[in-house]
């Protein structure tokens, strides 16, 4: 049975299951986050919609079934986000910093990625997280 997706949600989804995630920078620092894991098409479609804050040590990790060009947007998202696009090797391939709240403009990874990590807007610049840094999480290794 095909799952129908509510493409017009009116409020945030309940907190999803979480797991730890680390980002190891080229400078040798490791940052620790707790990320929610949207798995179903419905959970992925809603994502961070309607959430009025993203704590600096939390985020949402979208893991794709196979590498693809990820295309995200900020529909119904009231706070800026940093979207971190992660390659199949776990390395950051691009970052869209401080995305515009409520924007319907497509934010693309530009090339196939394994996952997209949404963090609080501005955190990647504040923590000096850059393209080429390593992201480590069970979800990225199939766990």
Protein backbone atom coordinates (compact mmCIF):
# COMPACT_ATOMS: atom_id res chain seq x y z
CA UNK A 1 0.00 0.00 0.00
CA UNK A 2 1.45 3.34 -1.02
CA UNK A 3 1.90 5.89 1.72
CA UNK A 4 0.22 9.23 1.12
CA UNK A 5 2.22 12.31 1.99
CA UNK A 6 0.55 15.27 3.64
CA UNK A 7 2.08 18.07 1.58
CA UNK A 8 0.23 20.74 3.56
CA UNK A 9 1.05 20.09 7.23
CA UNK A 10 -0.13 22.67 9.75
CA UNK A 11 2.30 22.07 12.61
CA UNK A 12 5.60 20.45 13.57
CA UNK A 13 5.90 16.70 13.64
CA UNK A 14 6.59 14.99 16.96
CA UNK A 15 10.24 14.52 17.88
CA UNK A 16 11.68 11.63 15.87
CA UNK A 17 14.11 8.91 16.99
CA UNK A 18 17.61 10.29 17.55
CA UNK A 19 21.21 9.19 17.43
CA UNK A 20 24.58 10.82 18.05
CA UNK A 21 26.51 12.39 15.17
CA UNK A 22 30.06 13.75 15.11
CA UNK A 23 31.75 16.15 12.75
CA UNK A 24 35.55 15.96 12.73
CA UNK A 25 37.09 19.07 11.22
CA UNK A 26 40.33 19.34 9.27
CA UNK A 27 41.60 21.44 12.18
CA UNK A 28 41.27 18.40 14.46
CA UNK A 29 38.21 19.48 16.44
CA UNK A 30 35.25 17.16 16.95
CA UNK A 31 31.73 18.52 17.37
CA UNK A 32 28.97 16.38 18.85
CA UNK A 33 25.31 16.61 17.86
CA UNK A 34 22.14 14.67 18.56
CA UNK A 35 20.18 14.32 15.34
CA UNK A 36 16.63 13.27 14.59
CA UNK A 37 16.22 10.73 11.81
CA UNK A 38 13.26 11.23 9.48
CA UNK A 39 12.86 7.87 7.73
CA UNK A 40 9.46 7.71 6.08
CA UNK A 41 8.58 9.91 3.08
CA UNK A 42 6.12 11.77 5.34
CA UNK A 43 8.74 12.46 8.03
CA UNK A 44 11.23 13.61 5.39
CA UNK A 45 8.65 15.85 3.70
CA UNK A 46 7.86 17.64 6.97
CA UNK A 47 11.44 17.76 8.31
CA UNK A 48 12.00 20.87 10.46
CA UNK A 49 8.79 22.60 9.34
CA UNK A 50 7.13 24.84 11.96
CA UNK A 51 9.92 24.38 14.51
CA UNK A 52 10.73 27.74 16.04
CA UNK A 53 14.24 26.85 17.21
CA UNK A 54 17.04 24.40 16.57
CA UNK A 55 19.39 23.93 19.53
CA UNK A 56 23.05 24.40 18.63
CA UNK A 57 23.88 20.77 19.51
CA UNK A 58 20.94 19.21 17.63
CA UNK A 59 19.78 18.74 14.07
CA UNK A 60 18.04 16.49 11.58
CA UNK A 61 19.78 13.94 9.33
CA UNK A 62 18.10 12.91 6.10
CA UNK A 63 19.72 9.72 4.77
CA UNK A 64 18.82 8.88 1.17
CA UNK A 65 18.30 5.27 0.01
CA UNK A 66 20.98 5.82 -2.64
CA UNK A 67 23.15 8.82 -3.50
CA UNK A 68 21.15 11.54 -5.23
CA UNK A 69 21.18 15.26 -5.85
CA UNK A 70 19.40 16.47 -2.73
CA UNK A 71 16.95 19.30 -3.27
CA UNK A 72 15.63 20.92 -0.11
CA UNK A 73 13.59 24.03 0.68
CA UNK A 74 12.52 26.12 3.65
CA UNK A 75 8.74 25.97 3.23
CA UNK A 76 7.09 26.52 6.63
CA UNK A 77 10.50 26.72 8.33
CA UNK A 78 10.62 29.86 10.54
CA UNK A 79 14.32 29.77 11.48
CA UNK A 80 17.47 29.80 9.31
CA UNK A 81 19.33 26.52 8.89
CA UNK A 82 22.73 25.37 7.73
CA UNK A 83 22.21 22.52 5.27
CA UNK A 84 25.23 20.23 5.17
CA UNK A 85 25.38 17.88 2.19
CA UNK A 86 27.29 14.65 2.87
CA UNK A 87 28.89 12.41 0.24
CA UNK A 88 28.91 8.61 0.21
CA UNK A 89 32.33 8.69 1.94
CA UNK A 90 30.91 10.70 4.86
CA UNK A 91 32.73 13.88 3.86
CA UNK A 92 30.95 17.21 3.53
CA UNK A 93 30.62 18.11 -0.16
CA UNK A 94 28.79 21.44 0.22
CA UNK A 95 27.11 23.66 2.80
CA UNK A 96 24.21 26.08 2.34
CA UNK A 97 24.60 28.50 5.25
CA UNK A 98 21.82 30.47 6.92
CA UNK A 99 19.05 29.45 4.55
CA UNK A 100 16.18 31.91 4.22
CA UNK A 101 13.15 31.12 6.42
CA UNK A 102 9.94 30.29 4.52
CA UNK A 103 11.71 30.40 1.13
CA UNK A 104 10.39 28.13 -1.61
CA UNK A 105 13.69 28.39 -3.51
CA UNK A 106 15.37 25.04 -4.10
CA UNK A 107 18.58 24.46 -2.15
CA UNK A 108 20.56 21.84 -4.08
CA UNK A 109 23.54 19.74 -3.12
CA UNK A 110 24.74 20.24 -6.71
CA UNK A 111 25.91 16.64 -6.96
CA UNK A 112 24.82 13.26 -5.63
CA UNK A 113 25.02 12.91 -1.86
CA UNK A 114 24.20 10.20 0.65
CA UNK A 115 22.64 12.52 3.23
CA UNK A 116 21.61 16.03 4.18
CA UNK A 117 22.18 17.36 7.69
CA UNK A 118 20.14 20.33 8.88
CA UNK A 119 21.67 22.33 11.73
CA UNK A 120 21.02 25.66 13.42
CA UNK A 121 21.72 28.53 11.03
CA UNK A 122 25.24 29.89 11.45
CA UNK A 123 26.65 26.93 13.38
CA UNK A 124 28.96 25.73 10.60
CA UNK A 125 30.67 29.15 10.39
CA UNK A 126 30.80 29.51 14.18
CA UNK A 127 32.38 26.05 14.57
CA UNK A 128 34.56 26.34 11.43
CA UNK A 129 32.90 23.29 9.85
CA UNK A 130 33.84 23.13 6.17
CA UNK A 131 33.68 21.14 2.95
CA UNK A 132 35.90 18.07 3.34
CA UNK A 133 35.23 17.60 7.06
CA UNK A 134 34.14 14.10 8.14
CA UNK A 135 30.65 13.28 9.40
CA UNK A 136 30.28 10.14 11.52
CA UNK A 137 26.93 8.59 12.43
CA UNK A 138 25.52 5.07 12.53
CA UNK A 139 22.81 6.09 10.06
CA UNK A 140 25.48 6.90 7.46
CA UNK A 141 27.01 3.44 7.75
CA UNK A 142 23.69 1.65 7.46
CA UNK A 143 23.04 1.40 11.21
